[in-house]
Amino acid sequence: MRRTRTNDYINIERATDLEWVVFDKRHLKRANKKKATRRNRRYKNNLINHLVKKIN
């Protein structure tokens, strides 16, 4: 499986799609759930920023 890429913003049409696109594929290898949540939050913010830039 691959990591969430910045070009994945293309797959986002609704806010609920963001949860589907950003998924921690390494959740079994993380030290704890908090680190996985933090990483997902970082990817979500990154995708939202790219989405906003491409809309404008």
N, C-alpha and C. Protein backbone atom coordinates (compact mmCIF):
# COMPACT_ATOMS: atom_id res chain seq x y z
N MET A 1 0.82 -1.19 0.00
CA MET A 1 0.00 0.00 0.00
C MET A 1 0.86 1.24 0.00
N ARG A 2 0.34 2.27 -0.59
CA ARG A 2 1.12 3.50 -0.66
C ARG A 2 0.58 4.53 0.31
N ARG A 3 1.42 5.49 0.59
CA ARG A 3 1.05 6.57 1.49
C ARG A 3 0.09 7.53 0.81
N THR A 4 -0.54 8.36 1.58
CA THR A 4 -1.40 9.40 1.04
C THR A 4 -0.54 10.42 0.32
N ARG A 5 -0.86 10.67 -0.94
CA ARG A 5 -0.10 11.62 -1.75
C ARG A 5 -0.84 12.94 -1.88
N THR A 6 -0.10 14.00 -2.18
CA THR A 6 -0.74 15.29 -2.34
C THR A 6 -1.63 15.33 -3.58
N ASN A 7 -1.35 14.48 -4.56
CA ASN A 7 -2.20 14.43 -5.75
C ASN A 7 -3.52 13.72 -5.50
N ASP A 8 -3.68 13.15 -4.33
CA ASP A 8 -4.94 12.49 -3.98
C ASP A 8 -6.06 13.50 -3.71
N TYR A 9 -5.74 14.80 -3.72
CA TYR A 9 -6.79 15.80 -3.53
C TYR A 9 -7.81 15.71 -4.66
N ILE A 10 -7.44 15.13 -5.78
CA ILE A 10 -8.34 14.99 -6.93
C ILE A 10 -9.53 14.10 -6.56
N ASN A 11 -9.33 13.14 -5.68
CA ASN A 11 -10.38 12.20 -5.28
C ASN A 11 -11.37 12.79 -4.29
N ILE A 12 -11.14 14.02 -3.84
CA ILE A 12 -12.00 14.62 -2.82
C ILE A 12 -13.06 15.47 -3.50
N GLU A 13 -14.31 15.07 -3.34
CA GLU A 13 -15.43 15.85 -3.85
C GLU A 13 -16.29 16.37 -2.70
N ARG A 14 -16.36 15.60 -1.62
CA ARG A 14 -17.14 15.98 -0.43
C ARG A 14 -16.23 15.88 0.78
N ALA A 15 -16.68 16.45 1.88
CA ALA A 15 -15.89 16.41 3.11
C ALA A 15 -15.70 14.98 3.61
N THR A 16 -16.69 14.13 3.38
CA THR A 16 -16.57 12.75 3.85
C THR A 16 -15.54 11.96 3.04
N ASP A 17 -15.25 12.41 1.84
CA ASP A 17 -14.22 11.74 1.03
C ASP A 17 -12.84 11.88 1.64
N LEU A 18 -12.63 12.93 2.41
CA LEU A 18 -11.33 13.15 3.04
C LEU A 18 -11.00 12.01 4.00
N GLU A 19 -12.00 11.51 4.72
CA GLU A 19 -11.78 10.39 5.63
C GLU A 19 -11.42 9.12 4.86
N TRP A 20 -11.99 8.96 3.68
CA TRP A 20 -11.72 7.78 2.87
C TRP A 20 -10.32 7.85 2.24
N VAL A 21 -9.92 9.04 1.82
CA VAL A 21 -8.62 9.20 1.15
C VAL A 21 -7.48 9.08 2.15
N VAL A 22 -7.63 9.73 3.31
CA VAL A 22 -6.58 9.71 4.33
C VAL A 22 -6.86 8.55 5.28
N PHE A 23 -6.07 7.53 5.15
CA PHE A 23 -6.22 6.33 5.96
C PHE A 23 -4.83 5.86 6.35
N ASP A 24 -4.61 5.61 7.62
CA ASP A 24 -3.29 5.19 8.10
C ASP A 24 -3.06 3.73 7.70
N LYS A 25 -2.28 3.55 6.68
CA LYS A 25 -2.04 2.22 6.14
C LYS A 25 -1.01 1.44 6.96
N ARG A 26 -0.35 2.13 7.88
CA ARG A 26 0.66 1.49 8.72
C ARG A 26 0.20 1.43 10.18
N HIS A 27 -1.10 1.39 10.39
CA HIS A 27 -1.61 1.46 11.76
C HIS A 27 -1.11 0.33 12.66
N LEU A 28 -0.77 -0.78 12.10
CA LEU A 28 -0.25 -1.88 12.92
C LEU A 28 1.20 -1.67 13.32
N LYS A 29 1.89 -0.79 12.61
CA LYS A 29 3.31 -0.57 12.90
C LYS A 29 3.56 0.67 13.74
N ARG A 30 2.52 1.43 14.06
CA ARG A 30 2.67 2.63 14.89
C ARG A 30 2.84 2.23 16.35
N ALA A 31 3.56 3.08 17.09
CA ALA A 31 3.79 2.80 18.50
C ALA A 31 2.50 2.89 19.30
N ASN A 32 1.66 3.86 18.96
CA ASN A 32 0.37 3.99 19.66
C ASN A 32 -0.62 4.72 18.76
N LYS A 33 -1.86 4.75 19.18
CA LYS A 33 -2.93 5.34 18.38
C LYS A 33 -2.77 6.84 18.23
N LYS A 34 -2.21 7.49 19.22
CA LYS A 34 -2.06 8.94 19.17
C LYS A 34 -1.14 9.36 18.02
N LYS A 35 -0.09 8.61 17.78
CA LYS A 35 0.81 8.93 16.67
C LYS A 35 0.13 8.75 15.32
N ALA A 36 -0.70 7.74 15.21
CA ALA A 36 -1.44 7.53 13.96
C ALA A 36 -2.43 8.67 13.73
N THR A 37 -3.10 9.10 14.78
CA THR A 37 -4.04 10.21 14.67
C THR A 37 -3.33 11.49 14.27
N ARG A 38 -2.18 11.74 14.85
CA ARG A 38 -1.40 12.93 14.54
C ARG A 38 -0.96 12.92 13.08
N ARG A 39 -0.54 11.77 12.60
CA ARG A 39 -0.07 11.66 11.22
C ARG A 39 -1.24 11.86 10.24
N ASN A 40 -2.39 11.26 10.55
CA ASN A 40 -3.55 11.46 9.70
C ASN A 40 -3.97 12.91 9.65
N ARG A 41 -3.92 13.59 10.78
CA ARG A 41 -4.28 15.01 10.83
C ARG A 41 -3.35 15.82 9.93
N ARG A 42 -2.08 15.47 9.94
CA ARG A 42 -1.10 16.17 9.10
C ARG A 42 -1.42 15.98 7.62
N TYR A 43 -1.74 14.74 7.23
CA TYR A 43 -2.08 14.47 5.84
C TYR A 43 -3.39 15.15 5.42
N LYS A 44 -4.36 15.19 6.32
CA LYS A 44 -5.63 15.86 6.02
C LYS A 44 -5.40 17.35 5.77
N ASN A 45 -4.63 17.98 6.64
CA ASN A 45 -4.34 19.40 6.46
C ASN A 45 -3.59 19.65 5.17
N ASN A 46 -2.67 18.79 4.84
CA ASN A 46 -1.89 18.92 3.62
C ASN A 46 -2.80 18.81 2.39
N LEU A 47 -3.70 17.85 2.38
CA LEU A 47 -4.61 17.69 1.25
C LEU A 47 -5.58 18.86 1.13
N ILE A 48 -6.06 19.35 2.25
CA ILE A 48 -6.97 20.49 2.21
C ILE A 48 -6.25 21.72 1.65
N ASN A 49 -5.02 21.93 2.04
CA ASN A 49 -4.26 23.07 1.52
C ASN A 49 -4.05 22.96 0.00
N HIS A 50 -3.74 21.77 -0.49
CA HIS A 50 -3.58 21.58 -1.93
C HIS A 50 -4.90 21.77 -2.67
N LEU A 51 -5.97 21.31 -2.06
CA LEU A 51 -7.30 21.45 -2.67
C LEU A 51 -7.66 22.93 -2.80
N VAL A 52 -7.40 23.70 -1.77
CA VAL A 52 -7.70 25.13 -1.79
C VAL A 52 -6.86 25.85 -2.84
N LYS A 53 -5.60 25.50 -2.95
CA LYS A 53 -4.72 26.13 -3.94
C LYS A 53 -5.16 25.82 -5.37
N LYS A 54 -5.61 24.61 -5.61
CA LYS A 54 -6.01 24.20 -6.96
C LYS A 54 -7.37 24.78 -7.34
N ILE A 55 -8.24 25.04 -6.36
CA ILE A 55 -9.54 25.64 -6.67
C ILE A 55 -9.35 27.08 -7.13
N ASN A 56 -8.46 27.79 -6.46
CA ASN A 56 -8.21 29.18 -6.82
C ASN A 56 -7.41 29.20 -8.08
